[in-house]
Amino acid sequence: MPSALCCLPWLSAVQQQPPPPPIIVKIVEPDNDPIGLANVVIGALGLSGALALCAILLGVLLAGLLFLVRSRHPLR
């Protein structure tokens, strides 16, 4: 009766698969940066400036509204 160890080399040869083909990745550098750091900083300052301007305008509007309400109905 043959032992199981004599069949192991044949079994491993049957189970081997050829290695997959290599994956080639080509890295392409961009031509130039469409948005530079300076443009990002200017955009951020522009956005924060617009928000600050809106806050100031709303504050002035609310102060004017409170002034009108108090002038028509003074404190007792």
PDB file of N, CA and C in Angstrom:
ATOM      1  N   MET A   1       0.848  -1.166   0.000  1.00  0.00           N
ATOM      2  CA  MET A   1       0.000   0.000   0.000  1.00  0.00           C
ATOM      3  C   MET A   1       0.897   1.235   0.000  1.00  0.00           C
ATOM      4  N   PRO A   2       0.737   2.128  -0.959  1.00  0.00           N
ATOM      5  CA  PRO A   2       1.600   3.311  -1.019  1.00  0.00           C
ATOM      6  C   PRO A   2       1.194   4.309   0.059  1.00  0.00           C
ATOM      7  N   SER A   3       2.182   4.997   0.562  1.00  0.00           N
ATOM      8  CA  SER A   3       1.895   5.995   1.590  1.00  0.00           C
ATOM      9  C   SER A   3       1.433   7.301   0.952  1.00  0.00           C
ATOM     10  N   ALA A   4       0.819   8.129   1.745  1.00  0.00           N
ATOM     11  CA  ALA A   4       0.305   9.408   1.233  1.00  0.00           C
ATOM     12  C   ALA A   4       1.426  10.385   0.947  1.00  0.00           C
ATOM     13  N   LEU A   5       2.585  10.209   1.540  1.00  0.00           N
ATOM     14  CA  LEU A   5       3.691  11.145   1.340  1.00  0.00           C
ATOM     15  C   LEU A   5       4.284  11.050  -0.053  1.00  0.00           C
ATOM     16  N   CYS A   6       4.143   9.911  -0.717  1.00  0.00           N
ATOM     17  CA  CYS A   6       4.722   9.798  -2.056  1.00  0.00           C
ATOM     18  C   CYS A   6       3.933  10.591  -3.080  1.00  0.00           C
ATOM     19  N   CYS A   7       2.668  10.932  -2.820  1.00  0.00           N
ATOM     20  CA  CYS A   7       1.834  11.667  -3.767  1.00  0.00           C
ATOM     21  C   CYS A   7       1.928  13.170  -3.591  1.00  0.00           C
ATOM     22  N   LEU A   8       2.581  13.682  -2.548  1.00  0.00           N
ATOM     23  CA  LEU A   8       2.631  15.121  -2.293  1.00  0.00           C
ATOM     24  C   LEU A   8       3.352  15.908  -3.379  1.00  0.00           C
ATOM     25  N   PRO A   9       4.496  15.479  -3.914  1.00  0.00           N
ATOM     26  CA  PRO A   9       5.105  16.269  -4.995  1.00  0.00           C
ATOM     27  C   PRO A   9       4.216  16.363  -6.228  1.00  0.00           C
ATOM     28  N   TRP A  10       3.545  15.284  -6.580  1.00  0.00           N
ATOM     29  CA  TRP A  10       2.655  15.314  -7.739  1.00  0.00           C
ATOM     30  C   TRP A  10       1.475  16.244  -7.472  1.00  0.00           C
ATOM     31  N   LEU A  11       0.951  16.247  -6.252  1.00  0.00           N
ATOM     32  CA  LEU A  11      -0.179  17.085  -5.884  1.00  0.00           C
ATOM     33  C   LEU A  11       0.204  18.566  -5.909  1.00  0.00           C
ATOM     34  N   SER A  12       1.387  18.883  -5.430  1.00  0.00           N
ATOM     35  CA  SER A  12       1.805  20.281  -5.435  1.00  0.00           C
ATOM     36  C   SER A  12       2.086  20.774  -6.849  1.00  0.00           C
ATOM     37  N   ALA A  13       2.535  19.903  -7.735  1.00  0.00           N
ATOM     38  CA  ALA A  13       2.784  20.303  -9.116  1.00  0.00           C
ATOM     39  C   ALA A  13       1.482  20.580  -9.848  1.00  0.00           C
ATOM     40  N   VAL A  14       0.436  19.847  -9.491  1.00  0.00           N
ATOM     41  CA  VAL A  14      -0.872  20.059 -10.120  1.00  0.00           C
ATOM     42  C   VAL A  14      -1.484  21.364  -9.637  1.00  0.00           C
ATOM     43  N   GLN A  15      -1.276  21.724  -8.392  1.00  0.00           N
ATOM     44  CA  GLN A  15      -1.901  22.911  -7.829  1.00  0.00           C
ATOM     45  C   GLN A  15      -1.180  24.201  -8.161  1.00  0.00           C
ATOM     46  N   GLN A  16       0.041  24.148  -8.657  1.00  0.00           N
ATOM     47  CA  GLN A  16       0.773  25.380  -8.972  1.00  0.00           C
ATOM     48  C   GLN A  16       0.148  26.072 -10.175  1.00  0.00           C
ATOM     49  N   GLN A  17       0.064  27.393 -10.093  1.00  0.00           N
ATOM     50  CA  GLN A  17      -0.458  28.197 -11.190  1.00  0.00           C
ATOM     51  C   GLN A  17       0.644  29.125 -11.658  1.00  0.00           C
ATOM     52  N   PRO A  18       0.613  29.494 -12.922  1.00  0.00           N
ATOM     53  CA  PRO A  18       1.643  30.435 -13.381  1.00  0.00           C
ATOM     54  C   PRO A  18       1.433  31.792 -12.719  1.00  0.00           C
ATOM     55  N   PRO A  19       2.511  32.537 -12.492  1.00  0.00           N
ATOM     56  CA  PRO A  19       2.347  33.849 -11.847  1.00  0.00           C
ATOM     57  C   PRO A  19       1.590  34.802 -12.768  1.00  0.00           C
ATOM     58  N   PRO A  20       0.821  35.717 -12.177  1.00  0.00           N
ATOM     59  CA  PRO A  20       0.074  36.672 -13.008  1.00  0.00           C
ATOM     60  C   PRO A  20       1.041  37.637 -13.693  1.00  0.00           C
ATOM     61  N   PRO A  21       0.615  38.220 -14.791  1.00  0.00           N
ATOM     62  CA  PRO A  21       1.497  39.180 -15.473  1.00  0.00           C
ATOM     63  C   PRO A  21       1.705  40.416 -14.604  1.00  0.00           C
ATOM     64  N   PRO A  22       2.836  41.076 -14.729  1.00  0.00           N
ATOM     65  CA  PRO A  22       3.091  42.251 -13.892  1.00  0.00           C
ATOM     66  C   PRO A  22       2.178  43.413 -14.279  1.00  0.00           C
ATOM     67  N   ILE A  23       1.871  44.234 -13.283  1.00  0.00           N
ATOM     68  CA  ILE A  23       1.060  45.431 -13.498  1.00  0.00           C
ATOM     69  C   ILE A  23       2.008  46.603 -13.635  1.00  0.00           C
ATOM     70  N   ILE A  24       1.919  47.286 -14.759  1.00  0.00           N
ATOM     71  CA  ILE A  24       2.803  48.424 -15.033  1.00  0.00           C
ATOM     72  C   ILE A  24       1.997  49.705 -14.856  1.00  0.00           C
ATOM     73  N   VAL A  25       2.489  50.582 -13.997  1.00  0.00           N
ATOM     74  CA  VAL A  25       1.820  51.854 -13.717  1.00  0.00           C
ATOM     75  C   VAL A  25       2.695  52.964 -14.253  1.00  0.00           C
ATOM     76  N   LYS A  26       2.123  53.807 -15.093  1.00  0.00           N
ATOM     77  CA  LYS A  26       2.850  54.935 -15.646  1.00  0.00           C
ATOM     78  C   LYS A  26       2.418  56.194 -14.909  1.00  0.00           C
ATOM     79  N   ILE A  27       3.352  56.855 -14.248  1.00  0.00           N
ATOM     80  CA  ILE A  27       3.060  58.069 -13.485  1.00  0.00           C
ATOM     81  C   ILE A  27       3.333  59.268 -14.380  1.00  0.00           C
ATOM     82  N   VAL A  28       2.316  60.073 -14.569  1.00  0.00           N
ATOM     83  CA  VAL A  28       2.426  61.241 -15.440  1.00  0.00           C
ATOM     84  C   VAL A  28       2.350  62.484 -14.569  1.00  0.00           C
ATOM     85  N   GLU A  29       3.309  63.359 -14.677  1.00  0.00           N
ATOM     86  CA  GLU A  29       3.323  64.619 -13.928  1.00  0.00           C
ATOM     87  C   GLU A  29       2.363  65.606 -14.581  1.00  0.00           C
ATOM     88  N   PRO A  30       1.601  66.370 -13.799  1.00  0.00           N
ATOM     89  CA  PRO A  30       0.727  67.391 -14.399  1.00  0.00           C
ATOM     90  C   PRO A  30       1.560  68.515 -15.007  1.00  0.00           C
ATOM     91  N   ASP A  31       0.985  69.150 -16.022  1.00  0.00           N
ATOM     92  CA  ASP A  31       1.702  70.227 -16.708  1.00  0.00           C
ATOM     93  C   ASP A  31       1.991  71.390 -15.772  1.00  0.00           C
ATOM     94  N   ASN A  32       0.961  71.924 -15.163  1.00  0.00           N
ATOM     95  CA  ASN A  32       1.134  73.009 -14.195  1.00  0.00           C
ATOM     96  C   ASN A  32      -0.071  73.019 -13.263  1.00  0.00           C
ATOM     97  N   ASP A  33       0.099  73.658 -12.117  1.00  0.00           N
ATOM     98  CA  ASP A  33      -0.950  73.704 -11.114  1.00  0.00           C
ATOM     99  C   ASP A  33      -1.985  74.751 -11.515  1.00  0.00           C
ATOM    100  N   PRO A  34      -3.234  74.350 -11.792  1.00  0.00           N
ATOM    101  CA  PRO A  34      -4.219  75.343 -12.221  1.00  0.00           C
ATOM    102  C   PRO A  34      -4.616  76.305 -11.096  1.00  0.00           C
ATOM    103  N   ILE A  35      -4.558  75.846  -9.858  1.00  0.00           N
ATOM    104  CA  ILE A  35      -4.897  76.706  -8.724  1.00  0.00           C
ATOM    105  C   ILE A  35      -3.689  76.730  -7.808  1.00  0.00           C
ATOM    106  N   GLY A  36      -3.013  77.862  -7.764  1.00  0.00           N
ATOM    107  CA  GLY A  36      -1.833  77.983  -6.920  1.00  0.00           C
ATOM    108  C   GLY A  36      -2.202  78.315  -5.495  1.00  0.00           C
ATOM    109  N   LEU A  37      -1.216  78.297  -4.643  1.00  0.00           N
ATOM    110  CA  LEU A  37      -1.432  78.601  -3.233  1.00  0.00           C
ATOM    111  C   LEU A  37      -1.906  80.040  -3.055  1.00  0.00           C
ATOM    112  N   ALA A  38      -1.377  80.950  -3.834  1.00  0.00           N
ATOM    113  CA  ALA A  38      -1.781  82.357  -3.728  1.00  0.00           C
ATOM    114  C   ALA A  38      -3.265  82.522  -4.064  1.00  0.00           C
ATOM    115  N   ASN A  39      -3.728  81.816  -5.080  1.00  0.00           N
ATOM    116  CA  ASN A  39      -5.147  81.923  -5.439  1.00  0.00           C
ATOM    117  C   ASN A  39      -6.048  81.357  -4.344  1.00  0.00           C
ATOM    118  N   VAL A  40      -5.597  80.294  -3.689  1.00  0.00           N
ATOM    119  CA  VAL A  40      -6.387  79.717  -2.600  1.00  0.00           C
ATOM    120  C   VAL A  40      -6.471  80.691  -1.423  1.00  0.00           C
ATOM    121  N   VAL A  41      -5.343  81.328  -1.084  1.00  0.00           N
ATOM    122  CA  VAL A  41      -5.327  82.282   0.034  1.00  0.00           C
ATOM    123  C   VAL A  41      -6.197  83.491  -0.286  1.00  0.00           C
ATOM    124  N   ILE A  42      -6.100  84.010  -1.499  1.00  0.00           N
ATOM    125  CA  ILE A  42      -6.924  85.162  -1.893  1.00  0.00           C
ATOM    126  C   ILE A  42      -8.405  84.792  -1.869  1.00  0.00           C
ATOM    127  N   GLY A  43      -8.734  83.583  -2.329  1.00  0.00           N
ATOM    128  CA  GLY A  43     -10.126  83.132  -2.290  1.00  0.00           C
ATOM    129  C   GLY A  43     -10.639  83.003  -0.875  1.00  0.00           C
ATOM    130  N   ALA A  44      -9.803  82.481   0.033  1.00  0.00           N
ATOM    131  CA  ALA A  44     -10.223  82.335   1.431  1.00  0.00           C
ATOM    132  C   ALA A  44     -10.412  83.696   2.080  1.00  0.00           C
ATOM    133  N   LEU A  45      -9.511  84.629   1.807  1.00  0.00           N
ATOM    134  CA  LEU A  45      -9.657  85.974   2.365  1.00  0.00           C
ATOM    135  C   LEU A  45     -10.881  86.669   1.787  1.00  0.00           C
ATOM    136  N   GLY A  46     -11.150  86.420   0.522  1.00  0.00           N
ATOM    137  CA  GLY A  46     -12.336  87.006  -0.099  1.00  0.00           C
ATOM    138  C   GLY A  46     -13.607  86.478   0.527  1.00  0.00           C
ATOM    139  N   LEU A  47     -13.644  85.184   0.806  1.00  0.00           N
ATOM    140  CA  LEU A  47     -14.824  84.593   1.428  1.00  0.00           C
ATOM    141  C   LEU A  47     -15.003  85.094   2.849  1.00  0.00           C
ATOM    142  N   SER A  48     -13.916  85.132   3.621  1.00  0.00           N
ATOM    143  CA  SER A  48     -14.041  85.620   5.000  1.00  0.00           C
ATOM    144  C   SER A  48     -14.370  87.113   5.010  1.00  0.00           C
ATOM    145  N   GLY A  49     -13.849  87.860   4.063  1.00  0.00           N
ATOM    146  CA  GLY A  49     -14.192  89.280   3.968  1.00  0.00           C
ATOM    147  C   GLY A  49     -15.664  89.486   3.640  1.00  0.00           C
ATOM    148  N   ALA A  50     -16.195  88.652   2.759  1.00  0.00           N
ATOM    149  CA  ALA A  50     -17.620  88.759   2.421  1.00  0.00           C
ATOM    150  C   ALA A  50     -18.486  88.407   3.624  1.00  0.00           C
ATOM    151  N   LEU A  51     -18.082  87.388   4.375  1.00  0.00           N
ATOM    152  CA  LEU A  51     -18.840  87.030   5.575  1.00  0.00           C
ATOM    153  C   LEU A  51     -18.771  88.134   6.630  1.00  0.00           C
ATOM    154  N   ALA A  52     -17.613  88.743   6.788  1.00  0.00           N
ATOM    155  CA  ALA A  52     -17.470  89.840   7.753  1.00  0.00           C
ATOM    156  C   ALA A  52     -18.325  91.037   7.322  1.00  0.00           C
ATOM    157  N   LEU A  53     -18.337  91.337   6.046  1.00  0.00           N
ATOM    158  CA  LEU A  53     -19.150  92.447   5.543  1.00  0.00           C
ATOM    159  C   LEU A  53     -20.632  92.175   5.774  1.00  0.00           C
ATOM    160  N   CYS A  54     -21.075  90.948   5.549  1.00  0.00           N
ATOM    161  CA  CYS A  54     -22.473  90.598   5.803  1.00  0.00           C
ATOM    162  C   CYS A  54     -22.802  90.732   7.292  1.00  0.00           C
ATOM    163  N   ALA A  55     -21.880  90.329   8.158  1.00  0.00           N
ATOM    164  CA  ALA A  55     -22.116  90.438   9.597  1.00  0.00           C
ATOM    165  C   ALA A  55     -22.217  91.904  10.012  1.00  0.00           C
ATOM    166  N   ILE A  56     -21.364  92.764   9.473  1.00  0.00           N
ATOM    167  CA  ILE A  56     -21.407  94.193   9.805  1.00  0.00           C
ATOM    168  C   ILE A  56     -22.716  94.819   9.314  1.00  0.00           C
ATOM    169  N   LEU A  57     -23.112  94.476   8.095  1.00  0.00           N
ATOM    170  CA  LEU A  57     -24.354  95.038   7.554  1.00  0.00           C
ATOM    171  C   LEU A  57     -25.568  94.570   8.355  1.00  0.00           C
ATOM    172  N   LEU A  58     -25.591  93.293   8.737  1.00  0.00           N
ATOM    173  CA  LEU A  58     -26.702  92.819   9.556  1.00  0.00           C
ATOM    174  C   LEU A  58     -26.697  93.463  10.938  1.00  0.00           C
ATOM    175  N   GLY A  59     -25.526  93.715  11.504  1.00  0.00           N
ATOM    176  CA  GLY A  59     -25.434  94.401  12.794  1.00  0.00           C
ATOM    177  C   GLY A  59     -25.955  95.822  12.715  1.00  0.00           C
ATOM    178  N   VAL A  60     -25.597  96.548  11.665  1.00  0.00           N
ATOM    179  CA  VAL A  60     -26.078  97.922  11.477  1.00  0.00           C
ATOM    180  C   VAL A  60     -27.589  97.924  11.267  1.00  0.00           C
ATOM    181  N   LEU A  61     -28.081  96.950  10.494  1.00  0.00           N
ATOM    182  CA  LEU A  61     -29.523  96.862  10.250  1.00  0.00           C
ATOM    183  C   LEU A  61     -30.278  96.564  11.540  1.00  0.00           C
ATOM    184  N   LEU A  62     -29.766  95.658  12.353  1.00  0.00           N
ATOM    185  CA  LEU A  62     -30.413  95.336  13.622  1.00  0.00           C
ATOM    186  C   LEU A  62     -30.354  96.518  14.586  1.00  0.00           C
ATOM    187  N   ALA A  63     -29.229  97.244  14.608  1.00  0.00           N
ATOM    188  CA  ALA A  63     -29.110  98.421  15.473  1.00  0.00           C
ATOM    189  C   ALA A  63     -30.108  99.495  15.052  1.00  0.00           C
ATOM    190  N   GLY A  64     -30.258  99.702  13.756  1.00  0.00           N
ATOM    191  CA  GLY A  64     -31.243 100.680  13.265  1.00  0.00           C
ATOM    192  C   GLY A  64     -32.656 100.274  13.604  1.00  0.00           C
ATOM    193  N   LEU A  65     -32.952  98.975  13.484  1.00  0.00           N
ATOM    194  CA  LEU A  65     -34.280  98.485  13.821  1.00  0.00           C
ATOM    195  C   LEU A  65     -34.566  98.661  15.310  1.00  0.00           C
ATOM    196  N   LEU A  66     -33.597  98.354  16.163  1.00  0.00           N
ATOM    197  CA  LEU A  66     -33.775  98.549  17.605  1.00  0.00           C
ATOM    198  C   LEU A  66     -33.918 100.026  17.952  1.00  0.00           C
ATOM    199  N   PHE A  67     -33.171 100.879  17.249  1.00  0.00           N
ATOM    200  CA  PHE A  67     -33.273 102.322  17.491  1.00  0.00           C
ATOM    201  C   PHE A  67     -34.677 102.816  17.143  1.00  0.00           C
ATOM    202  N   LEU A  68     -35.215 102.357  16.013  1.00  0.00           N
ATOM    203  CA  LEU A  68     -36.560 102.784  15.615  1.00  0.00           C
ATOM    204  C   LEU A  68     -37.623 102.271  16.590  1.00  0.00           C
ATOM    205  N   VAL A  69     -37.489 101.035  17.021  1.00  0.00           N
ATOM    206  CA  VAL A  69     -38.475 100.466  17.959  1.00  0.00           C
ATOM    207  C   VAL A  69     -38.434 101.217  19.281  1.00  0.00           C
ATOM    208  N   ARG A  70     -37.225 101.508  19.790  1.00  0.00           N
ATOM    209  CA  ARG A  70     -37.113 102.209  21.075  1.00  0.00           C
ATOM    210  C   ARG A  70     -37.561 103.665  20.974  1.00  0.00           C
ATOM    211  N   SER A  71     -37.347 104.297  19.825  1.00  0.00           N
ATOM    212  CA  SER A  71     -37.755 105.693  19.704  1.00  0.00           C
ATOM    213  C   SER A  71     -39.277 105.812  19.625  1.00  0.00           C
ATOM    214  N   ARG A  72     -39.977 104.827  19.092  1.00  0.00           N
ATOM    215  CA  ARG A  72     -41.430 104.869  19.009  1.00  0.00           C
ATOM    216  C   ARG A  72     -42.078 104.445  20.324  1.00  0.00           C
ATOM    217  N   HIS A  73     -41.427 103.526  21.035  1.00  0.00           N
ATOM    218  CA  HIS A  73     -41.962 103.027  22.308  1.00  0.00           C
ATOM    219  C   HIS A  73     -40.855 103.132  23.346  1.00  0.00           C
ATOM    220  N   PRO A  74     -40.715 104.310  23.962  1.00  0.00           N
ATOM    221  CA  PRO A  74     -39.629 104.458  24.956  1.00  0.00           C
ATOM    222  C   PRO A  74     -39.881 103.620  26.199  1.00  0.00           C
ATOM    223  N   LEU A  75     -38.840 103.375  26.944  1.00  0.00           N
ATOM    224  CA  LEU A  75     -38.962 102.614  28.190  1.00  0.00           C
ATOM    225  C   LEU A  75     -39.803 103.391  29.187  1.00  0.00           C
ATOM    226  N   ARG A  76     -40.541 102.758  30.035  1.00  0.00           N
ATOM    227  CA  ARG A  76     -41.407 103.436  30.998  1.00  0.00           C
ATOM    228  C   ARG A  76     -40.721 103.650  32.290  1.00  0.00           C
TER     229      ARG A  76
END
